[in-house]
């Protein structure tokens, strides 16, 4: 968890994993969304938020194997229970997908 993006008030900020964990623990209605692909979730694993009594929400920004942008990304985010006024943190392997997804969500 090196690169995370925090979307708040339509602003996207990069933060580190410690900052993210701290904010997730203190900010009500905050969520961590892992935007990697299903194979990455299965083979690399997911962030464990049990100590915060939260779960990582998995919504791919790019769909494997084509790696095309997930046209259902926004609807899948909303279907996961995240509300538009909630604080959302996004994570991926390098930070590029989470940054792209954060910019997309901030524009909505």
N, C-alpha and C. Protein backbone atom coordinates (compact mmCIF):
# COMPACT_ATOMS: atom_id res chain seq x y z
N UNK A 1 0.84 -1.18 0.00
CA UNK A 1 0.00 0.00 0.00
C UNK A 1 0.88 1.24 0.00
N UNK A 2 1.48 1.55 -1.10
CA UNK A 2 2.33 2.74 -1.16
C UNK A 2 1.59 3.95 -1.69
N UNK A 3 0.76 3.76 -2.67
CA UNK A 3 0.11 4.89 -3.32
C UNK A 3 -1.39 4.80 -3.16
N UNK A 4 -1.93 5.79 -2.48
CA UNK A 4 -3.36 5.85 -2.27
C UNK A 4 -3.84 7.21 -2.69
N UNK A 5 -5.08 7.28 -3.06
CA UNK A 5 -5.67 8.56 -3.42
C UNK A 5 -6.88 8.79 -2.56
N UNK A 6 -6.94 9.98 -1.99
CA UNK A 6 -8.01 10.39 -1.10
C UNK A 6 -8.86 11.40 -1.86
N UNK A 7 -10.14 11.11 -2.01
CA UNK A 7 -11.03 12.03 -2.69
C UNK A 7 -11.92 12.68 -1.64
N UNK A 8 -11.84 13.98 -1.50
CA UNK A 8 -12.69 14.69 -0.56
C UNK A 8 -13.01 16.04 -1.15
N UNK A 9 -14.27 16.41 -1.11
CA UNK A 9 -14.70 17.69 -1.67
C UNK A 9 -14.22 17.85 -3.11
N UNK A 10 -14.29 16.76 -3.87
CA UNK A 10 -13.89 16.73 -5.28
C UNK A 10 -12.41 17.04 -5.49
N UNK A 11 -11.60 16.89 -4.47
CA UNK A 11 -10.16 17.07 -4.60
C UNK A 11 -9.48 15.72 -4.43
N UNK A 12 -8.48 15.47 -5.23
CA UNK A 12 -7.74 14.22 -5.16
C UNK A 12 -6.37 14.51 -4.55
N UNK A 13 -6.02 13.74 -3.51
CA UNK A 13 -4.74 13.90 -2.83
C UNK A 13 -4.06 12.54 -2.74
N UNK A 14 -2.77 12.49 -2.93
CA UNK A 14 -2.01 11.26 -2.71
C UNK A 14 -1.55 11.24 -1.26
N UNK A 15 -1.74 10.09 -0.61
CA UNK A 15 -1.32 9.92 0.77
C UNK A 15 -0.64 8.56 0.90
N UNK A 16 0.07 8.35 2.01
CA UNK A 16 0.72 7.05 2.21
C UNK A 16 -0.20 6.12 3.00
N UNK A 17 0.21 4.88 3.15
CA UNK A 17 -0.64 3.87 3.78
C UNK A 17 -0.91 4.18 5.25
N UNK A 18 0.05 4.73 5.95
CA UNK A 18 -0.18 5.09 7.36
C UNK A 18 -1.23 6.19 7.49
N UNK A 19 -1.12 7.19 6.64
CA UNK A 19 -2.11 8.27 6.66
C UNK A 19 -3.50 7.73 6.33
N UNK A 20 -3.56 6.83 5.38
CA UNK A 20 -4.84 6.24 5.00
C UNK A 20 -5.44 5.46 6.16
N UNK A 21 -4.64 4.63 6.80
CA UNK A 21 -5.14 3.83 7.91
C UNK A 21 -5.65 4.73 9.03
N UNK A 22 -4.89 5.79 9.32
CA UNK A 22 -5.30 6.73 10.36
C UNK A 22 -6.63 7.40 10.01
N UNK A 23 -6.76 7.84 8.77
CA UNK A 23 -8.01 8.49 8.36
C UNK A 23 -9.17 7.50 8.36
N UNK A 24 -8.93 6.29 7.89
CA UNK A 24 -9.99 5.28 7.91
C UNK A 24 -10.46 5.01 9.34
N UNK A 25 -9.54 5.08 10.29
CA UNK A 25 -9.90 4.81 11.69
C UNK A 25 -10.63 5.98 12.33
N UNK A 26 -10.44 7.19 11.82
CA UNK A 26 -11.01 8.38 12.46
C UNK A 26 -12.19 9.00 11.73
N UNK A 27 -12.27 8.78 10.44
CA UNK A 27 -13.31 9.44 9.64
C UNK A 27 -14.51 8.50 9.47
N UNK A 28 -15.65 8.89 10.03
CA UNK A 28 -16.85 8.07 9.82
C UNK A 28 -17.20 8.05 8.32
N UNK A 29 -17.85 7.02 7.89
CA UNK A 29 -18.26 6.89 6.49
C UNK A 29 -17.09 7.03 5.53
N UNK A 30 -15.96 6.44 5.90
CA UNK A 30 -14.80 6.40 5.01
C UNK A 30 -14.61 4.97 4.53
N UNK A 31 -14.10 4.84 3.31
CA UNK A 31 -14.00 3.53 2.68
C UNK A 31 -12.69 3.40 1.92
N UNK A 32 -12.14 2.19 1.89
CA UNK A 32 -10.98 1.87 1.07
C UNK A 32 -11.45 1.03 -0.11
N UNK A 33 -11.19 1.53 -1.31
CA UNK A 33 -11.56 0.81 -2.53
C UNK A 33 -10.29 0.37 -3.23
N UNK A 34 -10.17 -0.93 -3.44
CA UNK A 34 -9.04 -1.52 -4.16
C UNK A 34 -9.45 -1.62 -5.63
N UNK A 35 -8.77 -0.86 -6.49
CA UNK A 35 -9.17 -0.79 -7.90
C UNK A 35 -8.35 -1.71 -8.80
N UNK A 36 -7.59 -2.64 -8.19
CA UNK A 36 -6.81 -3.60 -8.99
C UNK A 36 -7.76 -4.61 -9.63
N UNK A 37 -7.20 -5.58 -10.32
CA UNK A 37 -8.00 -6.60 -11.00
C UNK A 37 -8.26 -7.79 -10.08
N UNK A 38 -9.24 -8.59 -10.46
CA UNK A 38 -9.58 -9.79 -9.69
C UNK A 38 -8.37 -10.71 -9.51
N UNK A 39 -7.57 -11.00 -10.56
CA UNK A 39 -6.39 -11.83 -10.34
C UNK A 39 -5.42 -11.23 -9.30
N UNK A 40 -5.28 -9.92 -9.28
CA UNK A 40 -4.41 -9.30 -8.28
C UNK A 40 -4.97 -9.50 -6.88
N UNK A 41 -6.28 -9.36 -6.72
CA UNK A 41 -6.88 -9.58 -5.40
C UNK A 41 -6.65 -11.02 -4.95
N UNK A 42 -6.80 -11.97 -5.89
CA UNK A 42 -6.67 -13.38 -5.55
C UNK A 42 -5.23 -13.79 -5.25
N UNK A 43 -4.29 -13.30 -6.04
CA UNK A 43 -2.90 -13.77 -5.92
C UNK A 43 -2.03 -12.91 -5.02
N UNK A 44 -2.35 -11.63 -4.89
CA UNK A 44 -1.55 -10.74 -4.04
C UNK A 44 -2.22 -10.55 -2.69
N UNK A 45 -3.54 -10.52 -2.68
CA UNK A 45 -4.28 -10.33 -1.44
C UNK A 45 -4.88 -8.94 -1.34
N UNK A 46 -5.59 -8.73 -0.23
CA UNK A 46 -6.29 -7.48 0.02
C UNK A 46 -5.83 -6.85 1.33
N UNK A 47 -5.92 -5.54 1.45
CA UNK A 47 -5.63 -4.91 2.74
C UNK A 47 -6.62 -5.41 3.79
N UNK A 48 -6.12 -5.68 4.98
CA UNK A 48 -6.94 -6.19 6.08
C UNK A 48 -7.37 -5.02 6.97
N UNK A 49 -8.65 -4.74 6.98
CA UNK A 49 -9.19 -3.64 7.78
C UNK A 49 -10.03 -4.14 8.95
N UNK A 50 -9.86 -5.41 9.33
CA UNK A 50 -10.66 -5.98 10.40
C UNK A 50 -10.52 -5.22 11.71
N UNK A 51 -9.33 -4.72 12.00
CA UNK A 51 -9.13 -4.00 13.26
C UNK A 51 -9.94 -2.70 13.30
N UNK A 52 -10.36 -2.22 12.14
CA UNK A 52 -11.19 -1.01 12.05
C UNK A 52 -12.67 -1.38 11.89
N UNK A 53 -12.94 -2.67 11.87
CA UNK A 53 -14.28 -3.19 11.62
C UNK A 53 -14.83 -2.67 10.29
N UNK A 54 -13.94 -2.67 9.29
CA UNK A 54 -14.29 -2.28 7.94
C UNK A 54 -13.77 -3.35 6.99
N UNK A 55 -14.27 -3.31 5.76
CA UNK A 55 -13.82 -4.23 4.72
C UNK A 55 -13.32 -3.42 3.53
N UNK A 56 -12.32 -3.96 2.87
CA UNK A 56 -11.85 -3.36 1.62
C UNK A 56 -12.90 -3.64 0.55
N UNK A 57 -13.26 -2.62 -0.19
CA UNK A 57 -14.23 -2.75 -1.27
C UNK A 57 -13.45 -2.96 -2.57
N UNK A 58 -13.81 -3.98 -3.30
CA UNK A 58 -13.09 -4.33 -4.53
C UNK A 58 -13.92 -3.96 -5.76
N UNK A 59 -13.43 -2.97 -6.49
CA UNK A 59 -14.05 -2.56 -7.75
C UNK A 59 -12.92 -2.26 -8.72
N UNK A 60 -12.79 -3.07 -9.75
CA UNK A 60 -11.71 -2.89 -10.71
C UNK A 60 -11.91 -1.65 -11.56
N UNK A 61 -10.84 -0.88 -11.72
CA UNK A 61 -10.85 0.26 -12.64
C UNK A 61 -10.68 -0.25 -14.08
N UNK A 62 -9.79 -1.22 -14.25
CA UNK A 62 -9.58 -1.86 -15.55
C UNK A 62 -10.02 -3.31 -15.44
N UNK A 63 -10.68 -3.81 -16.48
CA UNK A 63 -11.19 -5.17 -16.46
C UNK A 63 -10.18 -6.10 -17.12
N UNK A 64 -9.79 -7.13 -16.38
CA UNK A 64 -8.85 -8.16 -16.84
C UNK A 64 -9.60 -9.08 -17.80
N UNK A 65 -9.04 -9.59 -18.88
CA UNK A 65 -7.65 -9.48 -19.28
C UNK A 65 -7.37 -8.33 -20.25
N UNK A 66 -8.43 -7.69 -20.78
CA UNK A 66 -8.23 -6.64 -21.78
C UNK A 66 -7.64 -5.36 -21.19
N UNK A 67 -7.87 -5.16 -19.90
CA UNK A 67 -7.43 -3.97 -19.17
C UNK A 67 -8.09 -2.71 -19.71
N UNK A 68 -9.31 -2.87 -20.21
CA UNK A 68 -10.10 -1.72 -20.63
C UNK A 68 -10.76 -1.12 -19.39
N UNK A 69 -11.04 0.17 -19.46
CA UNK A 69 -11.69 0.83 -18.33
C UNK A 69 -13.04 0.20 -18.08
N UNK A 70 -13.33 -0.06 -16.83
CA UNK A 70 -14.59 -0.65 -16.40
C UNK A 70 -15.71 0.38 -16.59
N UNK A 71 -16.56 0.17 -17.59
CA UNK A 71 -17.63 1.13 -17.87
C UNK A 71 -18.68 1.17 -16.76
N UNK A 72 -18.67 0.16 -15.89
CA UNK A 72 -19.61 0.11 -14.76
C UNK A 72 -18.98 0.57 -13.45
N UNK A 73 -17.81 1.19 -13.53
CA UNK A 73 -17.06 1.54 -12.32
C UNK A 73 -17.90 2.36 -11.34
N UNK A 74 -18.48 3.45 -11.81
CA UNK A 74 -19.26 4.31 -10.90
C UNK A 74 -20.45 3.57 -10.30
N UNK A 75 -21.18 2.84 -11.10
CA UNK A 75 -22.35 2.13 -10.57
C UNK A 75 -21.93 1.04 -9.59
N UNK A 76 -20.81 0.37 -9.84
CA UNK A 76 -20.33 -0.65 -8.90
C UNK A 76 -19.89 -0.01 -7.58
N UNK A 77 -19.30 1.17 -7.64
CA UNK A 77 -18.94 1.89 -6.41
C UNK A 77 -20.19 2.19 -5.61
N UNK A 78 -21.21 2.73 -6.26
CA UNK A 78 -22.45 3.08 -5.56
C UNK A 78 -23.18 1.83 -5.06
N UNK A 79 -23.16 0.76 -5.83
CA UNK A 79 -23.80 -0.50 -5.41
C UNK A 79 -23.10 -1.12 -4.21
N UNK A 80 -21.84 -0.77 -3.99
CA UNK A 80 -21.10 -1.33 -2.86
C UNK A 80 -21.54 -0.73 -1.53
N UNK A 81 -22.35 0.33 -1.60
CA UNK A 81 -22.82 0.98 -0.38
C UNK A 81 -22.15 2.31 -0.09
N UNK A 82 -21.23 2.71 -0.94
CA UNK A 82 -20.58 4.01 -0.77
C UNK A 82 -21.54 5.09 -1.26
N UNK A 83 -21.70 6.13 -0.45
CA UNK A 83 -22.52 7.27 -0.84
C UNK A 83 -21.63 8.37 -1.39
N UNK A 84 -22.19 9.23 -2.21
CA UNK A 84 -21.39 10.27 -2.85
C UNK A 84 -20.75 11.22 -1.86
N UNK A 85 -21.32 11.38 -0.66
CA UNK A 85 -20.74 12.29 0.33
C UNK A 85 -19.69 11.60 1.21
N UNK A 86 -19.51 10.29 1.09
CA UNK A 86 -18.53 9.57 1.90
C UNK A 86 -17.10 9.91 1.47
N UNK A 87 -16.17 9.67 2.39
CA UNK A 87 -14.75 9.83 2.08
C UNK A 87 -14.25 8.51 1.50
N UNK A 88 -13.58 8.59 0.35
CA UNK A 88 -13.14 7.39 -0.35
C UNK A 88 -11.63 7.43 -0.55
N UNK A 89 -10.98 6.32 -0.23
CA UNK A 89 -9.55 6.13 -0.47
C UNK A 89 -9.42 5.02 -1.50
N UNK A 90 -8.58 5.24 -2.50
CA UNK A 90 -8.39 4.26 -3.57
C UNK A 90 -6.97 3.74 -3.55
N UNK A 91 -6.82 2.46 -3.86
CA UNK A 91 -5.49 1.84 -3.87
C UNK A 91 -5.34 0.95 -5.09
N UNK A 92 -4.11 0.90 -5.62
CA UNK A 92 -3.73 -0.05 -6.67
C UNK A 92 -2.26 -0.40 -6.46
N UNK A 93 -1.66 -1.06 -7.41
CA UNK A 93 -0.26 -1.49 -7.26
C UNK A 93 0.71 -0.32 -7.33
N UNK A 94 0.60 0.50 -8.35
CA UNK A 94 1.59 1.57 -8.56
C UNK A 94 1.07 2.97 -8.28
N UNK A 95 -0.24 3.13 -8.25
CA UNK A 95 -0.83 4.44 -8.04
C UNK A 95 -1.47 5.02 -9.28
N UNK A 96 -1.16 4.48 -10.45
CA UNK A 96 -1.72 5.04 -11.68
C UNK A 96 -3.22 4.79 -11.81
N UNK A 97 -3.64 3.55 -11.61
CA UNK A 97 -5.07 3.25 -11.74
C UNK A 97 -5.89 3.95 -10.67
N UNK A 98 -5.36 3.98 -9.43
CA UNK A 98 -6.10 4.66 -8.37
C UNK A 98 -6.18 6.15 -8.65
N UNK A 99 -5.14 6.73 -9.20
CA UNK A 99 -5.16 8.15 -9.56
C UNK A 99 -6.19 8.41 -10.66
N UNK A 100 -6.19 7.59 -11.69
CA UNK A 100 -7.15 7.74 -12.78
C UNK A 100 -8.59 7.59 -12.27
N UNK A 101 -8.81 6.58 -11.43
CA UNK A 101 -10.14 6.34 -10.89
C UNK A 101 -10.57 7.48 -9.97
N UNK A 102 -9.64 8.00 -9.19
CA UNK A 102 -9.95 9.12 -8.29
C UNK A 102 -10.35 10.36 -9.08
N UNK A 103 -9.60 10.65 -10.12
CA UNK A 103 -9.93 11.81 -10.96
C UNK A 103 -11.32 11.63 -11.60
N UNK A 104 -11.61 10.41 -12.03
CA UNK A 104 -12.92 10.12 -12.61
C UNK A 104 -14.02 10.36 -11.58
N UNK A 105 -13.88 9.80 -10.39
CA UNK A 105 -14.91 9.96 -9.36
C UNK A 105 -15.06 11.41 -8.94
N UNK A 106 -13.96 12.12 -8.84
CA UNK A 106 -14.02 13.53 -8.44
C UNK A 106 -14.77 14.37 -9.47
N UNK A 107 -14.75 13.93 -10.72
CA UNK A 107 -15.42 14.69 -11.78
C UNK A 107 -16.92 14.42 -11.84
N UNK A 108 -17.39 13.42 -11.09
CA UNK A 108 -18.80 13.02 -11.16
C UNK A 108 -19.66 13.82 -10.22
